[in-house]
Amino acid sequence: MIIIINPNSTVSMTQAMLETAHKACPDIMIKGWTSHKGPVAIQGPEDGEACVPHLLKLVEKASDDGASVIIIGCFDDTGLDAARKLAVCPN
């Protein structure tokens, strides 16, 4: 199972990422999760830092739920180093 985590709180963005992933990989179970406690958009370092705590909770949950792949759906590496330390799937 692949879990795409949107670190911002825009549900429509999560849905767009999920739809694109399903088109690319229709036979793979893919889930999209929205970080509802994150900023609406990540438009700079402050927004990136604000989203990391909740993002990491979702990474930990995805790992606990057995995700084989966790994708952080963001244009930069928001929370990536810390997420790698939490995830038990290949990173």
C-alpha atoms as a PDB file:
ATOM      1  CA  MET A   1       0.000   0.000   0.000  1.00  0.00           C
ATOM      2  CA  ILE A   2       1.156   3.502  -0.874  1.00  0.00           C
ATOM      3  CA  ILE A   3       0.134   6.444   1.294  1.00  0.00           C
ATOM      4  CA  ILE A   4       0.465   9.961  -0.060  1.00  0.00           C
ATOM      5  CA  ILE A   5       0.526  12.537   2.726  1.00  0.00           C
ATOM      6  CA  ASN A   6      -0.314  16.107   1.819  1.00  0.00           C
ATOM      7  CA  PRO A   7       1.448  18.212   4.482  1.00  0.00           C
ATOM      8  CA  ASN A   8      -0.900  21.145   3.937  1.00  0.00           C
ATOM      9  CA  SER A   9      -4.590  21.224   4.818  1.00  0.00           C
ATOM     10  CA  THR A  10      -6.011  21.635   1.308  1.00  0.00           C
ATOM     11  CA  VAL A  11      -8.168  18.561   0.717  1.00  0.00           C
ATOM     12  CA  SER A  12      -8.617  19.319  -2.995  1.00  0.00           C
ATOM     13  CA  MET A  13      -4.840  19.079  -3.451  1.00  0.00           C
ATOM     14  CA  THR A  14      -4.794  15.691  -1.731  1.00  0.00           C
ATOM     15  CA  GLN A  15      -7.603  14.517  -4.026  1.00  0.00           C
ATOM     16  CA  ALA A  16      -5.743  15.749  -7.118  1.00  0.00           C
ATOM     17  CA  MET A  17      -2.582  13.887  -6.084  1.00  0.00           C
ATOM     18  CA  LEU A  18      -4.589  10.742  -5.362  1.00  0.00           C
ATOM     19  CA  GLU A  19      -6.428  10.868  -8.705  1.00  0.00           C
ATOM     20  CA  THR A  20      -3.135  11.287 -10.559  1.00  0.00           C
ATOM     21  CA  ALA A  21      -1.570   8.388  -8.670  1.00  0.00           C
ATOM     22  CA  HIS A  22      -4.555   6.122  -9.379  1.00  0.00           C
ATOM     23  CA  LYS A  23      -4.341   6.924 -13.102  1.00  0.00           C
ATOM     24  CA  ALA A  24      -0.619   6.111 -13.128  1.00  0.00           C
ATOM     25  CA  CYS A  25      -0.945   2.943 -11.018  1.00  0.00           C
ATOM     26  CA  PRO A  26      -4.534   1.676 -11.238  1.00  0.00           C
ATOM     27  CA  ASP A  27      -3.762  -1.756  -9.783  1.00  0.00           C
ATOM     28  CA  ILE A  28      -2.012  -0.548  -6.624  1.00  0.00           C
ATOM     29  CA  MET A  29      -3.768   0.376  -3.383  1.00  0.00           C
ATOM     30  CA  ILE A  30      -3.066   4.063  -2.851  1.00  0.00           C
ATOM     31  CA  LYS A  31      -4.488   6.231  -0.084  1.00  0.00           C
ATOM     32  CA  GLY A  32      -4.305  10.002   0.246  1.00  0.00           C
ATOM     33  CA  TRP A  33      -4.153  11.652   3.631  1.00  0.00           C
ATOM     34  CA  THR A  34      -4.474  15.375   4.343  1.00  0.00           C
ATOM     35  CA  SER A  35      -2.642  17.011   7.220  1.00  0.00           C
ATOM     36  CA  HIS A  36      -5.680  18.911   8.490  1.00  0.00           C
ATOM     37  CA  LYS A  37      -3.618  20.767  11.102  1.00  0.00           C
ATOM     38  CA  GLY A  38      -1.133  22.065   8.543  1.00  0.00           C
ATOM     39  CA  PRO A  39      -1.202  25.450   6.833  1.00  0.00           C
ATOM     40  CA  VAL A  40      -3.474  25.878   3.796  1.00  0.00           C
ATOM     41  CA  ALA A  41      -0.394  26.089   1.577  1.00  0.00           C
ATOM     42  CA  ILE A  42       3.339  25.794   2.118  1.00  0.00           C
ATOM     43  CA  GLN A  43       4.781  28.988   0.739  1.00  0.00           C
ATOM     44  CA  GLY A  44       7.958  29.410   2.689  1.00  0.00           C
ATOM     45  CA  PRO A  45      10.054  28.182   5.598  1.00  0.00           C
ATOM     46  CA  GLU A  46       7.529  29.233   8.257  1.00  0.00           C
ATOM     47  CA  ASP A  47       4.731  27.224   6.621  1.00  0.00           C
ATOM     48  CA  GLY A  48       7.069  24.268   6.180  1.00  0.00           C
ATOM     49  CA  GLU A  49       8.054  24.306   9.825  1.00  0.00           C
ATOM     50  CA  ALA A  50       4.433  24.705  10.933  1.00  0.00           C
ATOM     51  CA  CYS A  51       3.323  21.560   9.118  1.00  0.00           C
ATOM     52  CA  VAL A  52       6.097  19.202  10.274  1.00  0.00           C
ATOM     53  CA  PRO A  53       4.740  18.083  13.691  1.00  0.00           C
ATOM     54  CA  HIS A  54       1.409  16.865  12.320  1.00  0.00           C
ATOM     55  CA  LEU A  55       3.046  15.504   9.162  1.00  0.00           C
ATOM     56  CA  LEU A  56       5.307  13.331  11.303  1.00  0.00           C
ATOM     57  CA  LYS A  57       2.305  11.987  13.223  1.00  0.00           C
ATOM     58  CA  LEU A  58       0.797  10.928   9.894  1.00  0.00           C
ATOM     59  CA  VAL A  59       4.095   9.359   8.769  1.00  0.00           C
ATOM     60  CA  GLU A  60       4.193   7.364  11.984  1.00  0.00           C
ATOM     61  CA  LYS A  61       0.558   6.282  11.521  1.00  0.00           C
ATOM     62  CA  ALA A  62       1.204   5.278   7.887  1.00  0.00           C
ATOM     63  CA  SER A  63       4.190   3.241   8.978  1.00  0.00           C
ATOM     64  CA  ASP A  64       2.175   1.610  11.774  1.00  0.00           C
ATOM     65  CA  ASP A  65      -0.620   0.853   9.276  1.00  0.00           C
ATOM     66  CA  GLY A  66       1.822  -1.117   7.117  1.00  0.00           C
ATOM     67  CA  ALA A  67       2.516   1.270   4.258  1.00  0.00           C
ATOM     68  CA  SER A  68       5.160  -0.076   1.910  1.00  0.00           C
ATOM     69  CA  VAL A  69       5.677   3.415   0.475  1.00  0.00           C
ATOM     70  CA  ILE A  70       5.012   6.816   2.030  1.00  0.00           C
ATOM     71  CA  ILE A  71       5.059   9.857  -0.244  1.00  0.00           C
ATOM     72  CA  ILE A  72       5.171  13.372   1.165  1.00  0.00           C
ATOM     73  CA  GLY A  73       3.256  15.317  -1.467  1.00  0.00           C
ATOM     74  CA  CYS A  74       5.167  18.585  -1.355  1.00  0.00           C
ATOM     75  CA  PHE A  75       7.344  20.538  -3.768  1.00  0.00           C
ATOM     76  CA  ASP A  76      10.293  20.472  -1.385  1.00  0.00           C
ATOM     77  CA  ASP A  77      11.655  18.118   1.255  1.00  0.00           C
ATOM     78  CA  THR A  78       9.343  19.262   4.047  1.00  0.00           C
ATOM     79  CA  GLY A  79       9.958  17.029   7.067  1.00  0.00           C
ATOM     80  CA  LEU A  80      11.755  14.423   4.959  1.00  0.00           C
ATOM     81  CA  ASP A  81      14.779  13.783   7.183  1.00  0.00           C
ATOM     82  CA  ALA A  82      12.645  13.390  10.301  1.00  0.00           C
ATOM     83  CA  ALA A  83      10.123  11.238   8.404  1.00  0.00           C
ATOM     84  CA  ARG A  84      12.876   8.880   7.285  1.00  0.00           C
ATOM     85  CA  LYS A  85      13.803   8.297  10.913  1.00  0.00           C
ATOM     86  CA  LEU A  86      10.196   7.337  11.770  1.00  0.00           C
ATOM     87  CA  ALA A  87       9.168   5.228   8.787  1.00  0.00           C
ATOM     88  CA  VAL A  88       9.857   1.512   8.785  1.00  0.00           C
ATOM     89  CA  CYS A  89       9.207   1.106   5.057  1.00  0.00           C
ATOM     90  CA  PRO A  90      12.077   1.599   2.570  1.00  0.00           C
ATOM     91  CA  ASN A  91      13.050   5.243   2.250  1.00  0.00           C
END
